[in-house]
């Protein structure tokens, strides 16, 4: 009887260890490294192609004080012509760094109305 109890206990222990290993491997806590080393790098390599005010494709996000949750939601889901960027493309930590960076930049100058004289 003792050997069968020991075998069951060993099987349960091995199963628990395997389950914990799988959870740890696929847990979001496991992926703590950022896709980009800085917010500036993420902005320059992803966002700036459209959102720099001198480019004029997407709305400028510089110096607007946008919260990280807003930027992450728009980046993940896209909006109008902006595509969605999944976490496999840029992680949340990089988006937080990006938010901190764009909020340190000066706000883009207001566009001049058409027909206005300098």
PDB file of N, CA and C in Angstrom:
ATOM      1  N   UNK A   1       0.809  -1.186   0.000  1.00  0.00           N
ATOM      2  CA  UNK A   1       0.000   0.000   0.000  1.00  0.00           C
ATOM      3  C   UNK A   1       0.857   1.257   0.000  1.00  0.00           C
ATOM      4  N   UNK A   2       1.966   1.266   0.730  1.00  0.00           N
ATOM      5  CA  UNK A   2       2.822   2.438   0.833  1.00  0.00           C
ATOM      6  C   UNK A   2       3.458   2.801  -0.502  1.00  0.00           C
ATOM      7  N   UNK A   3       3.835   1.821  -1.291  1.00  0.00           N
ATOM      8  CA  UNK A   3       4.472   2.122  -2.571  1.00  0.00           C
ATOM      9  C   UNK A   3       3.484   2.744  -3.556  1.00  0.00           C
ATOM     10  N   UNK A   4       2.231   2.347  -3.520  1.00  0.00           N
ATOM     11  CA  UNK A   4       1.248   2.950  -4.424  1.00  0.00           C
ATOM     12  C   UNK A   4       0.950   4.394  -4.012  1.00  0.00           C
ATOM     13  N   UNK A   5       0.926   4.672  -2.743  1.00  0.00           N
ATOM     14  CA  UNK A   5       0.722   6.034  -2.252  1.00  0.00           C
ATOM     15  C   UNK A   5       1.915   6.904  -2.644  1.00  0.00           C
ATOM     16  N   UNK A   6       3.099   6.347  -2.550  1.00  0.00           N
ATOM     17  CA  UNK A   6       4.309   7.083  -2.916  1.00  0.00           C
ATOM     18  C   UNK A   6       4.329   7.379  -4.415  1.00  0.00           C
ATOM     19  N   UNK A   7       3.881   6.402  -5.216  1.00  0.00           N
ATOM     20  CA  UNK A   7       3.827   6.628  -6.664  1.00  0.00           C
ATOM     21  C   UNK A   7       2.830   7.720  -7.016  1.00  0.00           C
ATOM     22  N   UNK A   8       1.689   7.710  -6.373  1.00  0.00           N
ATOM     23  CA  UNK A   8       0.668   8.746  -6.627  1.00  0.00           C
ATOM     24  C   UNK A   8       1.205  10.116  -6.215  1.00  0.00           C
ATOM     25  N   UNK A   9       1.864  10.177  -5.073  1.00  0.00           N
ATOM     26  CA  UNK A   9       2.433  11.444  -4.608  1.00  0.00           C
ATOM     27  C   UNK A   9       3.508  11.934  -5.562  1.00  0.00           C
ATOM     28  N   UNK A  10       4.341  11.018  -6.072  1.00  0.00           N
ATOM     29  CA  UNK A  10       5.381  11.384  -7.021  1.00  0.00           C
ATOM     30  C   UNK A  10       4.771  11.885  -8.327  1.00  0.00           C
ATOM     31  N   UNK A  11       3.741  11.204  -8.830  1.00  0.00           N
ATOM     32  CA  UNK A  11       3.067  11.635 -10.060  1.00  0.00           C
ATOM     33  C   UNK A  11       2.458  13.027  -9.889  1.00  0.00           C
ATOM     34  N   UNK A  12       1.812  13.242  -8.756  1.00  0.00           N
ATOM     35  CA  UNK A  12       1.204  14.560  -8.505  1.00  0.00           C
ATOM     36  C   UNK A  12       2.275  15.654  -8.434  1.00  0.00           C
ATOM     37  N   UNK A  13       3.385  15.345  -7.791  1.00  0.00           N
ATOM     38  CA  UNK A  13       4.477  16.316  -7.678  1.00  0.00           C
ATOM     39  C   UNK A  13       5.061  16.643  -9.039  1.00  0.00           C
ATOM     40  N   UNK A  14       5.287  15.606  -9.861  1.00  0.00           N
ATOM     41  CA  UNK A  14       5.815  15.828 -11.210  1.00  0.00           C
ATOM     42  C   UNK A  14       4.826  16.608 -12.074  1.00  0.00           C
ATOM     43  N   UNK A  15       3.550  16.287 -11.959  1.00  0.00           N
ATOM     44  CA  UNK A  15       2.529  17.012 -12.718  1.00  0.00           C
ATOM     45  C   UNK A  15       2.488  18.486 -12.302  1.00  0.00           C
ATOM     46  N   UNK A  16       2.525  18.735 -11.000  1.00  0.00           N
ATOM     47  CA  UNK A  16       2.510  20.113 -10.505  1.00  0.00           C
ATOM     48  C   UNK A  16       3.737  20.880 -10.973  1.00  0.00           C
ATOM     49  N   UNK A  17       4.896  20.229 -10.938  1.00  0.00           N
ATOM     50  CA  UNK A  17       6.125  20.890 -11.387  1.00  0.00           C
ATOM     51  C   UNK A  17       6.059  21.208 -12.878  1.00  0.00           C
ATOM     52  N   UNK A  18       5.542  20.272 -13.676  1.00  0.00           N
ATOM     53  CA  UNK A  18       5.402  20.510 -15.115  1.00  0.00           C
ATOM     54  C   UNK A  18       4.406  21.636 -15.385  1.00  0.00           C
ATOM     55  N   UNK A  19       3.297  21.645 -14.671  1.00  0.00           N
ATOM     56  CA  UNK A  19       2.298  22.701 -14.859  1.00  0.00           C
ATOM     57  C   UNK A  19       2.864  24.066 -14.492  1.00  0.00           C
ATOM     58  N   UNK A  20       3.589  24.154 -13.379  1.00  0.00           N
ATOM     59  CA  UNK A  20       4.189  25.428 -12.976  1.00  0.00           C
ATOM     60  C   UNK A  20       5.229  25.906 -13.986  1.00  0.00           C
ATOM     61  N   UNK A  21       5.987  24.961 -14.541  1.00  0.00           N
ATOM     62  CA  UNK A  21       6.982  25.317 -15.556  1.00  0.00           C
ATOM     63  C   UNK A  21       6.303  25.893 -16.791  1.00  0.00           C
ATOM     64  N   UNK A  22       5.221  25.265 -17.239  1.00  0.00           N
ATOM     65  CA  UNK A  22       4.486  25.773 -18.402  1.00  0.00           C
ATOM     66  C   UNK A  22       3.882  27.148 -18.134  1.00  0.00           C
ATOM     67  N   UNK A  23       3.308  27.323 -16.962  1.00  0.00           N
ATOM     68  CA  UNK A  23       2.735  28.626 -16.611  1.00  0.00           C
ATOM     69  C   UNK A  23       3.820  29.693 -16.606  1.00  0.00           C
ATOM     70  N   UNK A  24       4.973  29.385 -16.023  1.00  0.00           N
ATOM     71  CA  UNK A  24       6.070  30.355 -15.965  1.00  0.00           C
ATOM     72  C   UNK A  24       6.595  30.684 -17.356  1.00  0.00           C
ATOM     73  N   UNK A  25       6.644  29.696 -18.243  1.00  0.00           N
ATOM     74  CA  UNK A  25       7.163  29.926 -19.592  1.00  0.00           C
ATOM     75  C   UNK A  25       6.259  30.845 -20.410  1.00  0.00           C
ATOM     76  N   UNK A  26       4.952  30.711 -20.234  1.00  0.00           N
ATOM     77  CA  UNK A  26       4.014  31.456 -21.063  1.00  0.00           C
ATOM     78  C   UNK A  26       3.367  32.621 -20.331  1.00  0.00           C
ATOM     79  N   UNK A  27       3.828  32.902 -19.151  1.00  0.00           N
ATOM     80  CA  UNK A  27       3.303  34.009 -18.366  1.00  0.00           C
ATOM     81  C   UNK A  27       3.801  35.338 -18.915  1.00  0.00           C
ATOM     82  N   UNK A  28       2.947  36.391 -18.896  1.00  0.00           N
ATOM     83  CA  UNK A  28       3.411  37.709 -19.318  1.00  0.00           C
ATOM     84  C   UNK A  28       4.573  38.217 -18.456  1.00  0.00           C
ATOM     85  N   UNK A  29       4.683  37.738 -17.238  1.00  0.00           N
ATOM     86  CA  UNK A  29       5.783  38.165 -16.389  1.00  0.00           C
ATOM     87  C   UNK A  29       7.113  37.662 -16.924  1.00  0.00           C
ATOM     88  N   UNK A  30       7.075  36.588 -17.699  1.00  0.00           N
ATOM     89  CA  UNK A  30       8.294  36.033 -18.273  1.00  0.00           C
ATOM     90  C   UNK A  30       8.877  36.964 -19.330  1.00  0.00           C
ATOM     91  N   UNK A  31       8.024  37.698 -20.033  1.00  0.00           N
ATOM     92  CA  UNK A  31       8.466  38.583 -21.122  1.00  0.00           C
ATOM     93  C   UNK A  31       8.596  40.018 -20.617  1.00  0.00           C
ATOM     94  N   UNK A  32       9.547  40.281 -19.740  1.00  0.00           N
ATOM     95  CA  UNK A  32       9.726  41.607 -19.165  1.00  0.00           C
ATOM     96  C   UNK A  32      10.614  42.507 -20.012  1.00  0.00           C
ATOM     97  N   UNK A  33      11.389  41.944 -20.915  1.00  0.00           N
ATOM     98  CA  UNK A  33      12.269  42.773 -21.724  1.00  0.00           C
ATOM     99  C   UNK A  33      11.459  43.558 -22.738  1.00  0.00           C
ATOM    100  N   UNK A  34      11.874  44.767 -23.004  1.00  0.00           N
ATOM    101  CA  UNK A  34      11.197  45.612 -23.971  1.00  0.00           C
ATOM    102  C   UNK A  34      11.641  45.262 -25.381  1.00  0.00           C
ATOM    103  N   UNK A  35      10.724  45.444 -26.313  1.00  0.00           N
ATOM    104  CA  UNK A  35      11.047  45.252 -27.715  1.00  0.00           C
ATOM    105  C   UNK A  35      12.054  46.305 -28.160  1.00  0.00           C
ATOM    106  N   UNK A  36      11.910  47.515 -27.638  1.00  0.00           N
ATOM    107  CA  UNK A  36      12.791  48.630 -27.985  1.00  0.00           C
ATOM    108  C   UNK A  36      13.512  49.093 -26.731  1.00  0.00           C
ATOM    109  N   UNK A  37      14.736  49.588 -26.918  1.00  0.00           N
ATOM    110  CA  UNK A  37      15.556  49.975 -25.772  1.00  0.00           C
ATOM    111  C   UNK A  37      15.136  51.308 -25.164  1.00  0.00           C
ATOM    112  N   UNK A  38      14.396  52.118 -25.919  1.00  0.00           N
ATOM    113  CA  UNK A  38      13.956  53.409 -25.398  1.00  0.00           C
ATOM    114  C   UNK A  38      12.678  53.836 -26.105  1.00  0.00           C
ATOM    115  N   UNK A  39      12.005  54.802 -25.507  1.00  0.00           N
ATOM    116  CA  UNK A  39      10.816  55.353 -26.141  1.00  0.00           C
ATOM    117  C   UNK A  39      11.147  56.071 -27.430  1.00  0.00           C
ATOM    118  N   UNK A  40      12.300  56.716 -27.464  1.00  0.00           N
ATOM    119  CA  UNK A  40      12.732  57.414 -28.675  1.00  0.00           C
ATOM    120  C   UNK A  40      12.922  56.434 -29.823  1.00  0.00           C
ATOM    121  N   UNK A  41      13.557  55.301 -29.536  1.00  0.00           N
ATOM    122  CA  UNK A  41      13.771  54.297 -30.576  1.00  0.00           C
ATOM    123  C   UNK A  41      12.435  53.776 -31.118  1.00  0.00           C
ATOM    124  N   UNK A  42      11.491  53.487 -30.228  1.00  0.00           N
ATOM    125  CA  UNK A  42      10.176  53.008 -30.665  1.00  0.00           C
ATOM    126  C   UNK A  42       9.471  54.070 -31.505  1.00  0.00           C
ATOM    127  N   UNK A  43       9.533  55.320 -31.056  1.00  0.00           N
ATOM    128  CA  UNK A  43       8.887  56.409 -31.797  1.00  0.00           C
ATOM    129  C   UNK A  43       9.518  56.576 -33.182  1.00  0.00           C
ATOM    130  N   UNK A  44      10.845  56.578 -33.220  1.00  0.00           N
ATOM    131  CA  UNK A  44      11.539  56.764 -34.497  1.00  0.00           C
ATOM    132  C   UNK A  44      11.301  55.613 -35.467  1.00  0.00           C
ATOM    133  N   UNK A  45      11.221  54.382 -34.953  1.00  0.00           N
ATOM    134  CA  UNK A  45      11.104  53.218 -35.829  1.00  0.00           C
ATOM    135  C   UNK A  45       9.669  52.843 -36.178  1.00  0.00           C
ATOM    136  N   UNK A  46       8.703  53.317 -35.397  1.00  0.00           N
ATOM    137  CA  UNK A  46       7.309  52.962 -35.666  1.00  0.00           C
ATOM    138  C   UNK A  46       6.416  54.169 -35.896  1.00  0.00           C
ATOM    139  N   UNK A  47       6.350  55.032 -34.927  1.00  0.00           N
ATOM    140  CA  UNK A  47       5.346  56.093 -34.922  1.00  0.00           C
ATOM    141  C   UNK A  47       5.717  57.298 -35.776  1.00  0.00           C
ATOM    142  N   UNK A  48       6.985  57.661 -35.732  1.00  0.00           N
ATOM    143  CA  UNK A  48       7.431  58.890 -36.379  1.00  0.00           C
ATOM    144  C   UNK A  48       7.197  58.944 -37.869  1.00  0.00           C
ATOM    145  N   UNK A  49       7.133  57.786 -38.519  1.00  0.00           N
ATOM    146  CA  UNK A  49       6.907  57.776 -39.965  1.00  0.00           C
ATOM    147  C   UNK A  49       5.582  58.445 -40.341  1.00  0.00           C
ATOM    148  N   UNK A  50       4.640  58.431 -39.428  1.00  0.00           N
ATOM    149  CA  UNK A  50       3.340  59.066 -39.692  1.00  0.00           C
ATOM    150  C   UNK A  50       3.044  60.218 -38.741  1.00  0.00           C
ATOM    151  N   UNK A  51       3.471  60.095 -37.476  1.00  0.00           N
ATOM    152  CA  UNK A  51       3.012  61.031 -36.450  1.00  0.00           C
ATOM    153  C   UNK A  51       3.926  62.216 -36.166  1.00  0.00           C
ATOM    154  N   UNK A  52       5.112  62.279 -36.758  1.00  0.00           N
ATOM    155  CA  UNK A  52       5.916  63.491 -36.585  1.00  0.00           C
ATOM    156  C   UNK A  52       5.181  64.626 -37.282  1.00  0.00           C
ATOM    157  N   UNK A  53       5.131  65.794 -36.642  1.00  0.00           N
ATOM    158  CA  UNK A  53       4.323  66.878 -37.196  1.00  0.00           C
ATOM    159  C   UNK A  53       4.825  67.330 -38.563  1.00  0.00           C
ATOM    160  N   UNK A  54       6.110  67.199 -38.841  1.00  0.00           N
ATOM    161  CA  UNK A  54       6.615  67.616 -40.149  1.00  0.00           C
ATOM    162  C   UNK A  54       6.239  66.636 -41.265  1.00  0.00           C
ATOM    163  N   UNK A  55       5.842  65.408 -40.894  1.00  0.00           N
ATOM    164  CA  UNK A  55       5.428  64.420 -41.892  1.00  0.00           C
ATOM    165  C   UNK A  55       3.984  64.685 -42.319  1.00  0.00           C
ATOM    166  N   UNK A  56       3.122  64.890 -41.341  1.00  0.00           N
ATOM    167  CA  UNK A  56       1.750  65.278 -41.643  1.00  0.00           C
ATOM    168  C   UNK A  56       0.816  64.173 -42.093  1.00  0.00           C
ATOM    169  N   UNK A  57       1.172  62.912 -41.881  1.00  0.00           N
ATOM    170  CA  UNK A  57       0.268  61.831 -42.279  1.00  0.00           C
ATOM    171  C   UNK A  57      -0.757  61.576 -41.180  1.00  0.00           C
ATOM    172  N   UNK A  58      -0.272  61.211 -39.990  1.00  0.00           N
ATOM    173  CA  UNK A  58      -1.162  60.987 -38.853  1.00  0.00           C
ATOM    174  C   UNK A  58      -1.129  62.194 -37.931  1.00  0.00           C
ATOM    175  N   UNK A  59      -2.084  62.239 -37.044  1.00  0.00           N
ATOM    176  CA  UNK A  59      -2.146  63.342 -36.082  1.00  0.00           C
ATOM    177  C   UNK A  59      -0.907  63.311 -35.182  1.00  0.00           C
ATOM    178  N   UNK A  60      -0.352  64.458 -34.894  1.00  0.00           N
ATOM    179  CA  UNK A  60       0.827  64.552 -34.042  1.00  0.00           C
ATOM    180  C   UNK A  60       0.468  64.106 -32.623  1.00  0.00           C
ATOM    181  N   UNK A  61       1.335  63.303 -32.025  1.00  0.00           N
ATOM    182  CA  UNK A  61       1.107  62.848 -30.648  1.00  0.00           C
ATOM    183  C   UNK A  61       2.112  63.470 -29.680  1.00  0.00           C
ATOM    184  N   UNK A  62       2.983  64.312 -30.182  1.00  0.00           N
ATOM    185  CA  UNK A  62       4.023  64.939 -29.365  1.00  0.00           C
ATOM    186  C   UNK A  62       3.440  65.915 -28.355  1.00  0.00           C
ATOM    187  N   UNK A  63       3.932  65.830 -27.121  1.00  0.00           N
ATOM    188  CA  UNK A  63       3.624  66.823 -26.108  1.00  0.00           C
ATOM    189  C   UNK A  63       2.150  67.017 -25.797  1.00  0.00           C
ATOM    190  N   UNK A  64       1.342  66.013 -26.025  1.00  0.00           N
ATOM    191  CA  UNK A  64      -0.098  66.142 -25.782  1.00  0.00           C
ATOM    192  C   UNK A  64      -0.516  65.592 -24.432  1.00  0.00           C
ATOM    193  N   UNK A  65       0.409  64.981 -23.706  1.00  0.00           N
ATOM    194  CA  UNK A  65       0.076  64.430 -22.385  1.00  0.00           C
ATOM    195  C   UNK A  65      -0.858  63.235 -22.455  1.00  0.00           C
ATOM    196  N   UNK A  66      -0.771  62.468 -23.528  1.00  0.00           N
ATOM    197  CA  UNK A  66      -1.643  61.307 -23.683  1.00  0.00           C
ATOM    198  C   UNK A  66      -1.246  60.226 -22.681  1.00  0.00           C
ATOM    199  N   UNK A  67      -2.219  59.633 -21.976  1.00  0.00           N
ATOM    200  CA  UNK A  67      -1.888  58.575 -21.017  1.00  0.00           C
ATOM    201  C   UNK A  67      -1.461  57.294 -21.728  1.00  0.00           C
ATOM    202  N   UNK A  68      -0.630  56.516 -21.051  1.00  0.00           N
ATOM    203  CA  UNK A  68      -0.127  55.260 -21.619  1.00  0.00           C
ATOM    204  C   UNK A  68      -1.278  54.334 -21.999  1.00  0.00           C
ATOM    205  N   UNK A  69      -2.322  54.271 -21.174  1.00  0.00           N
ATOM    206  CA  UNK A  69      -3.454  53.378 -21.473  1.00  0.00           C
ATOM    207  C   UNK A  69      -4.110  53.745 -22.802  1.00  0.00           C
ATOM    208  N   UNK A  70      -4.212  55.035 -23.095  1.00  0.00           N
ATOM    209  CA  UNK A  70      -4.800  55.487 -24.363  1.00  0.00           C
ATOM    210  C   UNK A  70      -3.916  55.079 -25.537  1.00  0.00           C
ATOM    211  N   UNK A  71      -2.608  55.343 -25.429  1.00  0.00           N
ATOM    212  CA  UNK A  71      -1.685  55.002 -26.516  1.00  0.00           C
ATOM    213  C   UNK A  71      -1.661  53.495 -26.743  1.00  0.00           C
ATOM    214  N   UNK A  72      -1.648  52.715 -25.666  1.00  0.00           N
ATOM    215  CA  UNK A  72      -1.648  51.257 -25.798  1.00  0.00           C
ATOM    216  C   UNK A  72      -2.940  50.783 -26.467  1.00  0.00           C
ATOM    217  N   UNK A  73      -4.079  51.334 -26.062  1.00  0.00           N
ATOM    218  CA  UNK A  73      -5.360  50.924 -26.657  1.00  0.00           C
ATOM    219  C   UNK A  73      -5.404  51.233 -28.148  1.00  0.00           C
ATOM    220  N   UNK A  74      -4.963  52.419 -28.540  1.00  0.00           N
ATOM    221  CA  UNK A  74      -4.976  52.787 -29.959  1.00  0.00           C
ATOM    222  C   UNK A  74      -3.954  51.948 -30.724  1.00  0.00           C
ATOM    223  N   UNK A  75      -2.770  51.754 -30.148  1.00  0.00           N
ATOM    224  CA  UNK A  75      -1.737  50.953 -30.821  1.00  0.00           C
ATOM    225  C   UNK A  75      -2.201  49.510 -31.010  1.00  0.00           C
ATOM    226  N   UNK A  76      -2.856  48.950 -30.024  1.00  0.00           N
ATOM    227  CA  UNK A  76      -3.302  47.562 -30.109  1.00  0.00           C
ATOM    228  C   UNK A  76      -4.477  47.367 -31.076  1.00  0.00           C
ATOM    229  N   UNK A  77      -5.383  48.343 -31.120  1.00  0.00           N
ATOM    230  CA  UNK A  77      -6.609  48.179 -31.893  1.00  0.00           C
ATOM    231  C   UNK A  77      -6.628  48.945 -33.201  1.00  0.00           C
ATOM    232  N   UNK A  78      -5.720  49.902 -33.362  1.00  0.00           N
ATOM    233  CA  UNK A  78      -5.739  50.749 -34.547  1.00  0.00           C
ATOM    234  C   UNK A  78      -6.888  51.754 -34.450  1.00  0.00           C
ATOM    235  N   UNK A  79      -6.894  52.705 -35.362  1.00  0.00           N
ATOM    236  CA  UNK A  79      -7.968  53.698 -35.395  1.00  0.00           C
ATOM    237  C   UNK A  79      -7.957  54.350 -36.765  1.00  0.00           C
ATOM    238  N   UNK A  80      -9.089  54.306 -37.423  1.00  0.00           N
ATOM    239  CA  UNK A  80      -9.210  54.842 -38.779  1.00  0.00           C
ATOM    240  C   UNK A  80      -8.134  54.237 -39.677  1.00  0.00           C
ATOM    241  N   UNK A  81      -7.249  55.049 -40.242  1.00  0.00           N
ATOM    242  CA  UNK A  81      -6.221  54.537 -41.162  1.00  0.00           C
ATOM    243  C   UNK A  81      -5.030  53.927 -40.442  1.00  0.00           C
ATOM    244  N   UNK A  82      -4.922  54.127 -39.127  1.00  0.00           N
ATOM    245  CA  UNK A  82      -3.789  53.578 -38.389  1.00  0.00           C
ATOM    246  C   UNK A  82      -3.986  52.081 -38.153  1.00  0.00           C
ATOM    247  N   UNK A  83      -2.984  51.282 -38.506  1.00  0.00           N
ATOM    248  CA  UNK A  83      -3.107  49.838 -38.276  1.00  0.00           C
ATOM    249  C   UNK A  83      -2.911  49.485 -36.805  1.00  0.00           C
ATOM    250  N   UNK A  84      -3.365  48.307 -36.432  1.00  0.00           N
ATOM    251  CA  UNK A  84      -3.135  47.781 -35.089  1.00  0.00           C
ATOM    252  C   UNK A  84      -1.731  47.178 -35.022  1.00  0.00           C
ATOM    253  N   UNK A  85      -1.090  47.332 -33.870  1.00  0.00           N
ATOM    254  CA  UNK A  85       0.230  46.760 -33.637  1.00  0.00           C
ATOM    255  C   UNK A  85       0.110  45.737 -32.507  1.00  0.00           C
ATOM    256  N   UNK A  86       0.174  44.431 -32.816  1.00  0.00           N
ATOM    257  CA  UNK A  86       0.054  43.415 -31.764  1.00  0.00           C
ATOM    258  C   UNK A  86       1.273  43.402 -30.857  1.00  0.00           C
ATOM    259  N   UNK A  87       1.121  42.742 -29.718  1.00  0.00           N
ATOM    260  CA  UNK A  87       2.218  42.685 -28.753  1.00  0.00           C
ATOM    261  C   UNK A  87       3.441  41.967 -29.327  1.00  0.00           C
ATOM    262  N   UNK A  88       3.244  41.145 -30.340  1.00  0.00           N
ATOM    263  CA  UNK A  88       4.391  40.499 -30.981  1.00  0.00           C
ATOM    264  C   UNK A  88       5.223  41.507 -31.774  1.00  0.00           C
ATOM    265  N   UNK A  89       4.642  42.665 -32.072  1.00  0.00           N
ATOM    266  CA  UNK A  89       5.350  43.711 -32.813  1.00  0.00           C
ATOM    267  C   UNK A  89       5.990  44.738 -31.879  1.00  0.00           C
ATOM    268  N   UNK A  90       5.243  45.117 -30.833  1.00  0.00           N
ATOM    269  CA  UNK A  90       5.752  46.036 -29.809  1.00  0.00           C
ATOM    270  C   UNK A  90       5.044  45.704 -28.495  1.00  0.00           C
ATOM    271  N   UNK A  91       5.822  45.539 -27.440  1.00  0.00           N
ATOM    272  CA  UNK A  91       5.246  45.152 -26.155  1.00  0.00           C
ATOM    273  C   UNK A  91       4.753  46.368 -25.376  1.00  0.00           C
ATOM    274  N   UNK A  92       3.961  46.100 -24.334  1.00  0.00           N
ATOM    275  CA  UNK A  92       3.388  47.177 -23.522  1.00  0.00           C
ATOM    276  C   UNK A  92       4.451  48.030 -22.851  1.00  0.00           C
ATOM    277  N   UNK A  93       5.547  47.414 -22.405  1.00  0.00           N
ATOM    278  CA  UNK A  93       6.620  48.181 -21.756  1.00  0.00           C
ATOM    279  C   UNK A  93       7.210  49.198 -22.734  1.00  0.00           C
ATOM    280  N   UNK A  94       7.425  48.785 -23.985  1.00  0.00           N
ATOM    281  CA  UNK A  94       7.931  49.718 -24.995  1.00  0.00           C
ATOM    282  C   UNK A  94       6.926  50.828 -25.263  1.00  0.00           C
ATOM    283  N   UNK A  95       5.639  50.497 -25.248  1.00  0.00           N
ATOM    284  CA  UNK A  95       4.615  51.533 -25.444  1.00  0.00           C
ATOM    285  C   UNK A  95       4.599  52.515 -24.274  1.00  0.00           C
ATOM    286  N   UNK A  96       4.849  52.025 -23.065  1.00  0.00           N
ATOM    287  CA  UNK A  96       4.939  52.921 -21.911  1.00  0.00           C
ATOM    288  C   UNK A  96       6.148  53.843 -22.038  1.00  0.00           C
ATOM    289  N   UNK A  97       7.296  53.276 -22.461  1.00  0.00           N
ATOM    290  CA  UNK A  97       8.489  54.101 -22.687  1.00  0.00           C
ATOM    291  C   UNK A  97       8.219  55.135 -23.775  1.00  0.00           C
ATOM    292  N   UNK A  98       7.525  54.725 -24.819  1.00  0.00           N
ATOM    293  CA  UNK A  98       7.169  55.621 -25.919  1.00  0.00           C
ATOM    294  C   UNK A  98       6.283  56.768 -25.413  1.00  0.00           C
ATOM    295  N   UNK A  99       5.312  56.436 -24.567  1.00  0.00           N
ATOM    296  CA  UNK A  99       4.425  57.450 -23.996  1.00  0.00           C
ATOM    297  C   UNK A  99       5.224  58.472 -23.198  1.00  0.00           C
ATOM    298  N   UNK A 100       6.132  57.991 -22.356  1.00  0.00           N
ATOM    299  CA  UNK A 100       6.972  58.902 -21.568  1.00  0.00           C
ATOM    300  C   UNK A 100       7.782  59.806 -22.493  1.00  0.00           C
ATOM    301  N   UNK A 101       8.318  59.226 -23.574  1.00  0.00           N
ATOM    302  CA  UNK A 101       9.140  60.003 -24.496  1.00  0.00           C
ATOM    303  C   UNK A 101       8.318  61.068 -25.221  1.00  0.00           C
ATOM    304  N   UNK A 102       7.197  60.701 -25.825  1.00  0.00           N
ATOM    305  CA  UNK A 102       6.439  61.694 -26.605  1.00  0.00           C
ATOM    306  C   UNK A 102       5.873  62.794 -25.716  1.00  0.00           C
ATOM    307  N   UNK A 103       5.648  62.479 -24.441  1.00  0.00           N
ATOM    308  CA  UNK A 103       5.149  63.512 -23.540  1.00  0.00           C
ATOM    309  C   UNK A 103       6.239  64.471 -23.084  1.00  0.00           C
ATOM    310  N   UNK A 104       7.518  64.146 -23.348  1.00  0.00           N
ATOM    311  CA  UNK A 104       8.595  65.086 -23.049  1.00  0.00           C
ATOM    312  C   UNK A 104       8.878  66.010 -24.231  1.00  0.00           C
ATOM    313  N   UNK A 105       8.359  65.655 -25.399  1.00  0.00           N
ATOM    314  CA  UNK A 105       8.590  66.474 -26.600  1.00  0.00           C
ATOM    315  C   UNK A 105       7.698  67.704 -26.575  1.00  0.00           C
ATOM    316  N   UNK A 106       8.130  68.776 -27.214  1.00  0.00           N
ATOM    317  CA  UNK A 106       7.258  69.949 -27.296  1.00  0.00           C
ATOM    318  C   UNK A 106       6.060  69.647 -28.184  1.00  0.00           C
ATOM    319  N   UNK A 107       4.959  70.297 -27.889  1.00  0.00           N
ATOM    320  CA  UNK A 107       3.758  70.115 -28.708  1.00  0.00           C
ATOM    321  C   UNK A 107       4.026  70.606 -30.122  1.00  0.00           C
ATOM    322  N   UNK A 108       3.403  69.948 -31.065  1.00  0.00           N
ATOM    323  CA  UNK A 108       3.554  70.343 -32.468  1.00  0.00           C
ATOM    324  C   UNK A 108       2.910  71.698 -32.686  1.00  0.00           C
ATOM    325  N   UNK A 109       3.468  72.513 -33.571  1.00  0.00           N
ATOM    326  CA  UNK A 109       2.845  73.803 -33.852  1.00  0.00           C
ATOM    327  C   UNK A 109       1.466  73.603 -34.491  1.00  0.00           C
ATOM    328  N   UNK A 110       0.574  74.518 -34.193  1.00  0.00           N
ATOM    329  CA  UNK A 110      -0.773  74.444 -34.771  1.00  0.00           C
ATOM    330  C   UNK A 110      -0.693  74.652 -36.276  1.00  0.00           C
ATOM    331  N   UNK A 111      -1.464  73.871 -37.018  1.00  0.00           N
ATOM    332  CA  UNK A 111      -1.445  74.070 -38.472  1.00  0.00           C
ATOM    333  C   UNK A 111      -2.091  75.406 -38.831  1.00  0.00           C
ATOM    334  N   UNK A 112      -1.532  76.067 -39.849  1.00  0.00           N
ATOM    335  CA  UNK A 112      -2.088  77.338 -40.296  1.00  0.00           C
ATOM    336  C   UNK A 112      -3.327  77.058 -41.151  1.00  0.00           C
ATOM    337  N   UNK A 113      -4.366  77.852 -40.975  1.00  0.00           N
ATOM    338  CA  UNK A 113      -5.542  77.671 -41.826  1.00  0.00           C
ATOM    339  C   UNK A 113      -5.193  77.965 -43.279  1.00  0.00           C
ATOM    340  N   UNK A 114      -5.862  77.265 -44.178  1.00  0.00           N
ATOM    341  CA  UNK A 114      -5.606  77.489 -45.605  1.00  0.00           C
ATOM    342  C   UNK A 114      -5.958  78.923 -45.967  1.00  0.00           C
ATOM    343  N   UNK A 115      -5.109  79.514 -46.760  1.00  0.00           N
ATOM    344  CA  UNK A 115      -5.327  80.887 -47.194  1.00  0.00           C
ATOM    345  C   UNK A 115      -4.810  81.932 -46.212  1.00  0.00           C
ATOM    346  N   UNK A 116      -4.268  81.498 -45.061  1.00  0.00           N
ATOM    347  CA  UNK A 116      -3.753  82.451 -44.084  1.00  0.00           C
ATOM    348  C   UNK A 116      -2.407  82.978 -44.562  1.00  0.00           C
ATOM    349  N   UNK A 117      -2.138  84.223 -44.264  1.00  0.00           N
ATOM    350  CA  UNK A 117      -0.855  84.826 -44.626  1.00  0.00           C
ATOM    351  C   UNK A 117       0.087  84.721 -43.453  1.00  0.00           C
ATOM    352  N   UNK A 118       1.383  84.572 -43.710  1.00  0.00           N
ATOM    353  CA  UNK A 118       2.349  84.435 -42.599  1.00  0.00           C
ATOM    354  C   UNK A 118       2.512  85.681 -41.795  1.00  0.00           C
TER     355      UNK A 118
END
